[in-house]
Amino acid sequence: MVPMKGQMTMPIKVKISDELVAEAKRYGQVYHRSLPKQIEYWSRIGKTAEENPDLTYAMIQKILLAKEETDLEEYTFG
C-alpha cells in the first residue's frame, strides 16, 4: 500500500552505493533538497520515464512540478 501525501511512513533501510549517495548529496545541495528527497525525486523521474518512454526529460520535469503544485493548493476558478 502506498501512503498518501502527508501520511507517516515507517523508515526502512535500503542499500545503495556510496557513489550514488555522494552524487545525490551534491545534487541535493544545488537544488536545496535533502538526501532522501533528492533520491525520491530521481526515483519519480525514472518511474515516469519508464511509464512514458515518449516523453522528454523537460516534459517529465514539468509534469512533476505541475503535480506538486496541484497537490499543494486548490485552484479556484473565476
PDB file of N, CA and C in Angstrom:
ATOM      1  N   MET A   1       0.842  -1.176   0.000  1.00  0.00           N
ATOM      2  CA  MET A   1       0.000   0.000   0.000  1.00  0.00           C
ATOM      3  C   MET A   1       0.890   1.243   0.000  1.00  0.00           C
ATOM      4  N   VAL A   2       0.625   2.179  -0.886  1.00  0.00           N
ATOM      5  CA  VAL A   2       1.394   3.415  -0.988  1.00  0.00           C
ATOM      6  C   VAL A   2       0.746   4.471  -0.097  1.00  0.00           C
ATOM      7  N   PRO A   3       1.535   5.110   0.791  1.00  0.00           N
ATOM      8  CA  PRO A   3       0.943   6.125   1.673  1.00  0.00           C
ATOM      9  C   PRO A   3       0.529   7.363   0.892  1.00  0.00           C
ATOM     10  N   MET A   4      -0.533   8.003   1.345  1.00  0.00           N
ATOM     11  CA  MET A   4      -0.991   9.253   0.753  1.00  0.00           C
ATOM     12  C   MET A   4      -0.046  10.370   1.177  1.00  0.00           C
ATOM     13  N   LYS A   5      -0.010  11.422   0.413  1.00  0.00           N
ATOM     14  CA  LYS A   5       0.846  12.556   0.738  1.00  0.00           C
ATOM     15  C   LYS A   5       0.504  13.082   2.132  1.00  0.00           C
ATOM     16  N   GLY A   6       1.541  13.269   2.953  1.00  0.00           N
ATOM     17  CA  GLY A   6       1.342  13.785   4.283  1.00  0.00           C
ATOM     18  C   GLY A   6       1.174  12.713   5.345  1.00  0.00           C
ATOM     19  N   GLN A   7       0.994  11.449   4.944  1.00  0.00           N
ATOM     20  CA  GLN A   7       0.862  10.377   5.916  1.00  0.00           C
ATOM     21  C   GLN A   7       2.230   9.960   6.431  1.00  0.00           C
ATOM     22  N   MET A   8       2.262   9.465   7.648  1.00  0.00           N
ATOM     23  CA  MET A   8       3.508   8.986   8.237  1.00  0.00           C
ATOM     24  C   MET A   8       3.904   7.662   7.587  1.00  0.00           C
ATOM     25  N   THR A   9       5.185   7.477   7.383  1.00  0.00           N
ATOM     26  CA  THR A   9       5.688   6.219   6.852  1.00  0.00           C
ATOM     27  C   THR A   9       6.761   5.686   7.791  1.00  0.00           C
ATOM     28  N   MET A  10       6.943   4.400   7.769  1.00  0.00           N
ATOM     29  CA  MET A  10       7.964   3.764   8.587  1.00  0.00           C
ATOM     30  C   MET A  10       9.289   3.824   7.822  1.00  0.00           C
ATOM     31  N   PRO A  11      10.365   4.223   8.502  1.00  0.00           N
ATOM     32  CA  PRO A  11      11.653   4.219   7.824  1.00  0.00           C
ATOM     33  C   PRO A  11      12.117   2.791   7.558  1.00  0.00           C
ATOM     34  N   ILE A  12      12.716   2.593   6.395  1.00  0.00           N
ATOM     35  CA  ILE A  12      13.275   1.294   6.067  1.00  0.00           C
ATOM     36  C   ILE A  12      14.702   1.488   5.595  1.00  0.00           C
ATOM     37  N   LYS A  13      15.507   0.476   5.735  1.00  0.00           N
ATOM     38  CA  LYS A  13      16.890   0.545   5.282  1.00  0.00           C
ATOM     39  C   LYS A  13      16.977   0.009   3.862  1.00  0.00           C
ATOM     40  N   VAL A  14      17.687   0.738   3.032  1.00  0.00           N
ATOM     41  CA  VAL A  14      17.904   0.335   1.654  1.00  0.00           C
ATOM     42  C   VAL A  14      19.389   0.489   1.376  1.00  0.00           C
ATOM     43  N   LYS A  15      19.995  -0.523   0.809  1.00  0.00           N
ATOM     44  CA  LYS A  15      21.414  -0.434   0.489  1.00  0.00           C
ATOM     45  C   LYS A  15      21.579   0.177  -0.903  1.00  0.00           C
ATOM     46  N   ILE A  16      22.294   1.277  -0.952  1.00  0.00           N
ATOM     47  CA  ILE A  16      22.647   1.900  -2.227  1.00  0.00           C
ATOM     48  C   ILE A  16      24.129   2.232  -2.178  1.00  0.00           C
ATOM     49  N   SER A  17      24.718   2.416  -3.325  1.00  0.00           N
ATOM     50  CA  SER A  17      26.161   2.618  -3.390  1.00  0.00           C
ATOM     51  C   SER A  17      26.566   3.962  -2.788  1.00  0.00           C
ATOM     52  N   ASP A  18      27.775   3.989  -2.247  1.00  0.00           N
ATOM     53  CA  ASP A  18      28.324   5.237  -1.710  1.00  0.00           C
ATOM     54  C   ASP A  18      28.421   6.295  -2.804  1.00  0.00           C
ATOM     55  N   GLU A  19      28.688   5.842  -4.014  1.00  0.00           N
ATOM     56  CA  GLU A  19      28.794   6.747  -5.158  1.00  0.00           C
ATOM     57  C   GLU A  19      27.464   7.462  -5.421  1.00  0.00           C
ATOM     58  N   LEU A  20      26.355   6.715  -5.390  1.00  0.00           N
ATOM     59  CA  LEU A  20      25.039   7.310  -5.601  1.00  0.00           C
ATOM     60  C   LEU A  20      24.690   8.273  -4.470  1.00  0.00           C
ATOM     61  N   VAL A  21      25.009   7.894  -3.243  1.00  0.00           N
ATOM     62  CA  VAL A  21      24.738   8.763  -2.093  1.00  0.00           C
ATOM     63  C   VAL A  21      25.495  10.080  -2.236  1.00  0.00           C
ATOM     64  N   ALA A  22      26.774   9.998  -2.590  1.00  0.00           N
ATOM     65  CA  ALA A  22      27.597  11.207  -2.743  1.00  0.00           C
ATOM     66  C   ALA A  22      27.037  12.101  -3.841  1.00  0.00           C
ATOM     67  N   GLU A  23      26.650  11.490  -4.954  1.00  0.00           N
ATOM     68  CA  GLU A  23      26.109  12.277  -6.065  1.00  0.00           C
ATOM     69  C   GLU A  23      24.766  12.903  -5.695  1.00  0.00           C
ATOM     70  N   ALA A  24      23.918  12.152  -5.006  1.00  0.00           N
ATOM     71  CA  ALA A  24      22.614  12.677  -4.590  1.00  0.00           C
ATOM     72  C   ALA A  24      22.792  13.820  -3.593  1.00  0.00           C
ATOM     73  N   LYS A  25      23.766  13.708  -2.697  1.00  0.00           N
ATOM     74  CA  LYS A  25      24.042  14.797  -1.754  1.00  0.00           C
ATOM     75  C   LYS A  25      24.452  16.060  -2.496  1.00  0.00           C
ATOM     76  N   ARG A  26      25.323  15.884  -3.485  1.00  0.00           N
ATOM     77  CA  ARG A  26      25.806  17.027  -4.266  1.00  0.00           C
ATOM     78  C   ARG A  26      24.657  17.709  -5.008  1.00  0.00           C
ATOM     79  N   TYR A  27      23.837  16.924  -5.698  1.00  0.00           N
ATOM     80  CA  TYR A  27      22.697  17.492  -6.418  1.00  0.00           C
ATOM     81  C   TYR A  27      21.691  18.092  -5.449  1.00  0.00           C
ATOM     82  N   GLY A  28      21.473  17.422  -4.327  1.00  0.00           N
ATOM     83  CA  GLY A  28      20.537  17.917  -3.328  1.00  0.00           C
ATOM     84  C   GLY A  28      20.928  19.284  -2.804  1.00  0.00           C
ATOM     85  N   GLN A  29      22.223  19.497  -2.604  1.00  0.00           N
ATOM     86  CA  GLN A  29      22.681  20.802  -2.137  1.00  0.00           C
ATOM     87  C   GLN A  29      22.407  21.879  -3.182  1.00  0.00           C
ATOM     88  N   VAL A  30      22.651  21.554  -4.427  1.00  0.00           N
ATOM     89  CA  VAL A  30      22.423  22.518  -5.507  1.00  0.00           C
ATOM     90  C   VAL A  30      20.940  22.886  -5.606  1.00  0.00           C
ATOM     91  N   TYR A  31      20.074  21.875  -5.490  1.00  0.00           N
ATOM     92  CA  TYR A  31      18.635  22.104  -5.657  1.00  0.00           C
ATOM     93  C   TYR A  31      17.888  22.247  -4.330  1.00  0.00           C
ATOM     94  N   HIS A  32      18.638  22.381  -3.241  1.00  0.00           N
ATOM     95  CA  HIS A  32      18.059  22.597  -1.905  1.00  0.00           C
ATOM     96  C   HIS A  32      17.094  21.482  -1.504  1.00  0.00           C
ATOM     97  N   ARG A  33      17.537  20.231  -1.741  1.00  0.00           N
ATOM     98  CA  ARG A  33      16.767  19.064  -1.329  1.00  0.00           C
ATOM     99  C   ARG A  33      17.601  18.240  -0.358  1.00  0.00           C
ATOM    100  N   SER A  34      16.936  17.590   0.582  1.00  0.00           N
ATOM    101  CA  SER A  34      17.638  16.666   1.466  1.00  0.00           C
ATOM    102  C   SER A  34      18.056  15.440   0.647  1.00  0.00           C
ATOM    103  N   LEU A  35      18.941  14.648   1.205  1.00  0.00           N
ATOM    104  CA  LEU A  35      19.368  13.424   0.519  1.00  0.00           C
ATOM    105  C   LEU A  35      18.179  12.525   0.180  1.00  0.00           C
ATOM    106  N   PRO A  36      17.299  12.217   1.146  1.00  0.00           N
ATOM    107  CA  PRO A  36      16.147  11.376   0.785  1.00  0.00           C
ATOM    108  C   PRO A  36      15.247  12.008  -0.273  1.00  0.00           C
ATOM    109  N   LYS A  37      15.024  13.320  -0.192  1.00  0.00           N
ATOM    110  CA  LYS A  37      14.166  13.992  -1.177  1.00  0.00           C
ATOM    111  C   LYS A  37      14.794  13.966  -2.573  1.00  0.00           C
ATOM    112  N   GLN A  38      16.124  14.098  -2.650  1.00  0.00           N
ATOM    113  CA  GLN A  38      16.789  14.048  -3.947  1.00  0.00           C
ATOM    114  C   GLN A  38      16.640  12.662  -4.567  1.00  0.00           C
ATOM    115  N   ILE A  39      16.829  11.631  -3.753  1.00  0.00           N
ATOM    116  CA  ILE A  39      16.683  10.261  -4.262  1.00  0.00           C
ATOM    117  C   ILE A  39      15.232   9.996  -4.658  1.00  0.00           C
ATOM    118  N   GLU A  40      14.272  10.484  -3.874  1.00  0.00           N
ATOM    119  CA  GLU A  40      12.858  10.343  -4.237  1.00  0.00           C
ATOM    120  C   GLU A  40      12.568  11.050  -5.561  1.00  0.00           C
ATOM    121  N   TYR A  41      13.147  12.235  -5.740  1.00  0.00           N
ATOM    122  CA  TYR A  41      12.946  12.997  -6.982  1.00  0.00           C
ATOM    123  C   TYR A  41      13.461  12.204  -8.183  1.00  0.00           C
ATOM    124  N   TRP A  42      14.688  11.689  -8.069  1.00  0.00           N
ATOM    125  CA  TRP A  42      15.237  10.886  -9.164  1.00  0.00           C
ATOM    126  C   TRP A  42      14.388   9.651  -9.422  1.00  0.00           C
ATOM    127  N   SER A  43      13.875   9.064  -8.359  1.00  0.00           N
ATOM    128  CA  SER A  43      13.031   7.877  -8.497  1.00  0.00           C
ATOM    129  C   SER A  43      11.751   8.203  -9.265  1.00  0.00           C
ATOM    130  N   ARG A  44      11.123   9.322  -8.930  1.00  0.00           N
ATOM    131  CA  ARG A  44       9.896   9.725  -9.638  1.00  0.00           C
ATOM    132  C   ARG A  44      10.169   9.991 -11.111  1.00  0.00           C
ATOM    133  N   ILE A  45      11.301  10.629 -11.400  1.00  0.00           N
ATOM    134  CA  ILE A  45      11.655  10.893 -12.796  1.00  0.00           C
ATOM    135  C   ILE A  45      11.853   9.577 -13.542  1.00  0.00           C
ATOM    136  N   GLY A  46      12.597   8.668 -12.950  1.00  0.00           N
ATOM    137  CA  GLY A  46      12.846   7.375 -13.592  1.00  0.00           C
ATOM    138  C   GLY A  46      11.572   6.579 -13.815  1.00  0.00           C
ATOM    139  N   LYS A  47      10.702   6.562 -12.815  1.00  0.00           N
ATOM    140  CA  LYS A  47       9.442   5.835 -12.926  1.00  0.00           C
ATOM    141  C   LYS A  47       8.581   6.434 -14.031  1.00  0.00           C
ATOM    142  N   THR A  48       8.492   7.749 -14.057  1.00  0.00           N
ATOM    143  CA  THR A  48       7.696   8.423 -15.086  1.00  0.00           C
ATOM    144  C   THR A  48       8.275   8.164 -16.473  1.00  0.00           C
ATOM    145  N   ALA A  49       9.610   8.174 -16.582  1.00  0.00           N
ATOM    146  CA  ALA A  49      10.256   7.918 -17.877  1.00  0.00           C
ATOM    147  C   ALA A  49       9.984   6.491 -18.354  1.00  0.00           C
ATOM    148  N   GLU A  50      10.028   5.527 -17.445  1.00  0.00           N
ATOM    149  CA  GLU A  50       9.740   4.142 -17.836  1.00  0.00           C
ATOM    150  C   GLU A  50       8.291   3.969 -18.265  1.00  0.00           C
ATOM    151  N   GLU A  51       7.385   4.651 -17.584  1.00  0.00           N
ATOM    152  CA  GLU A  51       5.960   4.535 -17.913  1.00  0.00           C
ATOM    153  C   GLU A  51       5.593   5.310 -19.178  1.00  0.00           C
ATOM    154  N   ASN A  52       6.410   6.310 -19.542  1.00  0.00           N
ATOM    155  CA  ASN A  52       6.125   7.187 -20.686  1.00  0.00           C
ATOM    156  C   ASN A  52       7.403   7.396 -21.500  1.00  0.00           C
ATOM    157  N   PRO A  53       7.867   6.375 -22.210  1.00  0.00           N
ATOM    158  CA  PRO A  53       9.148   6.488 -22.910  1.00  0.00           C
ATOM    159  C   PRO A  53       9.194   7.545 -24.012  1.00  0.00           C
ATOM    160  N   ASP A  54       8.036   8.041 -24.430  1.00  0.00           N
ATOM    161  CA  ASP A  54       7.988   9.055 -25.474  1.00  0.00           C
ATOM    162  C   ASP A  54       8.176  10.476 -24.944  1.00  0.00           C
ATOM    163  N   LEU A  55       8.169  10.658 -23.614  1.00  0.00           N
ATOM    164  CA  LEU A  55       8.306  11.996 -23.041  1.00  0.00           C
ATOM    165  C   LEU A  55       9.771  12.391 -22.890  1.00  0.00           C
ATOM    166  N   THR A  56      10.041  13.670 -23.072  1.00  0.00           N
ATOM    167  CA  THR A  56      11.380  14.193 -22.850  1.00  0.00           C
ATOM    168  C   THR A  56      11.587  14.450 -21.360  1.00  0.00           C
ATOM    169  N   TYR A  57      12.836  14.586 -20.969  1.00  0.00           N
ATOM    170  CA  TYR A  57      13.160  14.895 -19.579  1.00  0.00           C
ATOM    171  C   TYR A  57      12.499  16.206 -19.156  1.00  0.00           C
ATOM    172  N   ALA A  58      12.554  17.213 -20.016  1.00  0.00           N
ATOM    173  CA  ALA A  58      11.957  18.512 -19.706  1.00  0.00           C
ATOM    174  C   ALA A  58      10.450  18.385 -19.483  1.00  0.00           C
ATOM    175  N   MET A  59       9.787  17.565 -20.282  1.00  0.00           N
ATOM    176  CA  MET A  59       8.345  17.369 -20.133  1.00  0.00           C
ATOM    177  C   MET A  59       8.041  16.646 -18.821  1.00  0.00           C
ATOM    178  N   ILE A  60       8.858  15.672 -18.475  1.00  0.00           N
ATOM    179  CA  ILE A  60       8.669  14.949 -17.213  1.00  0.00           C
ATOM    180  C   ILE A  60       8.817  15.907 -16.037  1.00  0.00           C
ATOM    181  N   GLN A  61       9.818  16.785 -16.094  1.00  0.00           N
ATOM    182  CA  GLN A  61      10.000  17.773 -15.030  1.00  0.00           C
ATOM    183  C   GLN A  61       8.759  18.652 -14.880  1.00  0.00           C
ATOM    184  N   LYS A  62       8.215  19.102 -15.998  1.00  0.00           N
ATOM    185  CA  LYS A  62       7.025  19.958 -15.963  1.00  0.00           C
ATOM    186  C   LYS A  62       5.822  19.216 -15.391  1.00  0.00           C
ATOM    187  N   ILE A  63       5.678  17.950 -15.738  1.00  0.00           N
ATOM    188  CA  ILE A  63       4.573  17.141 -15.218  1.00  0.00           C
ATOM    189  C   ILE A  63       4.699  16.995 -13.706  1.00  0.00           C
ATOM    190  N   LEU A  64       5.908  16.676 -13.232  1.00  0.00           N
ATOM    191  CA  LEU A  64       6.116  16.510 -11.793  1.00  0.00           C
ATOM    192  C   LEU A  64       5.900  17.820 -11.045  1.00  0.00           C
ATOM    193  N   LEU A  65       6.343  18.921 -11.616  1.00  0.00           N
ATOM    194  CA  LEU A  65       6.138  20.227 -10.991  1.00  0.00           C
ATOM    195  C   LEU A  65       4.650  20.567 -10.925  1.00  0.00           C
ATOM    196  N   ALA A  66       3.945  20.322 -12.000  1.00  0.00           N
ATOM    197  CA  ALA A  66       2.508  20.594 -12.023  1.00  0.00           C
ATOM    198  C   ALA A  66       1.781  19.725 -11.004  1.00  0.00           C
ATOM    199  N   LYS A  67       2.194  18.466 -10.877  1.00  0.00           N
ATOM    200  CA  LYS A  67       1.571  17.574  -9.898  1.00  0.00           C
ATOM    201  C   LYS A  67       1.810  18.086  -8.481  1.00  0.00           C
ATOM    202  N   GLU A  68       3.023  18.530  -8.189  1.00  0.00           N
ATOM    203  CA  GLU A  68       3.336  19.080  -6.868  1.00  0.00           C
ATOM    204  C   GLU A  68       2.491  20.314  -6.580  1.00  0.00           C
ATOM    205  N   GLU A  69       2.361  21.191  -7.558  1.00  0.00           N
ATOM    206  CA  GLU A  69       1.567  22.404  -7.375  1.00  0.00           C
ATOM    207  C   GLU A  69       0.102  22.057  -7.138  1.00  0.00           C
ATOM    208  N   THR A  70      -0.407  21.074  -7.848  1.00  0.00           N
ATOM    209  CA  THR A  70      -1.789  20.645  -7.693  1.00  0.00           C
ATOM    210  C   THR A  70      -2.011  20.044  -6.314  1.00  0.00           C
ATOM    211  N   ASP A  71      -1.045  19.258  -5.836  1.00  0.00           N
ATOM    212  CA  ASP A  71      -1.159  18.631  -4.518  1.00  0.00           C
ATOM    213  C   ASP A  71      -1.092  19.660  -3.389  1.00  0.00           C
ATOM    214  N   LEU A  72      -0.401  20.777  -3.614  1.00  0.00           N
ATOM    215  CA  LEU A  72      -0.192  21.770  -2.558  1.00  0.00           C
ATOM    216  C   LEU A  72      -1.360  22.727  -2.365  1.00  0.00           C
ATOM    217  N   GLU A  73      -2.042  23.028  -3.434  1.00  0.00           N
ATOM    218  CA  GLU A  73      -3.101  24.039  -3.314  1.00  0.00           C
ATOM    219  C   GLU A  73      -4.259  23.738  -4.251  1.00  0.00           C
ATOM    220  N   GLU A  74      -5.418  24.209  -3.861  1.00  0.00           N
ATOM    221  CA  GLU A  74      -6.580  24.097  -4.700  1.00  0.00           C
ATOM    222  C   GLU A  74      -6.680  25.332  -5.572  1.00  0.00           C
ATOM    223  N   TYR A  75      -7.041  25.137  -6.812  1.00  0.00           N
ATOM    224  CA  TYR A  75      -7.221  26.254  -7.717  1.00  0.00           C
ATOM    225  C   TYR A  75      -8.688  26.639  -7.741  1.00  0.00           C
ATOM    226  N   THR A  76      -8.965  27.910  -7.567  1.00  0.00           N
ATOM    227  CA  THR A  76     -10.341  28.397  -7.593  1.00  0.00           C
ATOM    228  C   THR A  76     -10.547  29.163  -8.900  1.00  0.00           C
ATOM    229  N   PHE A  77     -11.531  28.743  -9.664  1.00  0.00           N
ATOM    230  CA  PHE A  77     -11.830  29.410 -10.930  1.00  0.00           C
ATOM    231  C   PHE A  77     -12.623  30.692 -10.661  1.00  0.00           C
ATOM    232  N   GLY A  78     -12.335  31.711 -11.507  1.00  0.00           N
ATOM    233  CA  GLY A  78     -13.138  32.902 -11.543  1.00  0.00           C
ATOM    234  C   GLY A  78     -12.927  33.883 -10.493  1.00  0.00           C
TER     235      GLY A  78
END
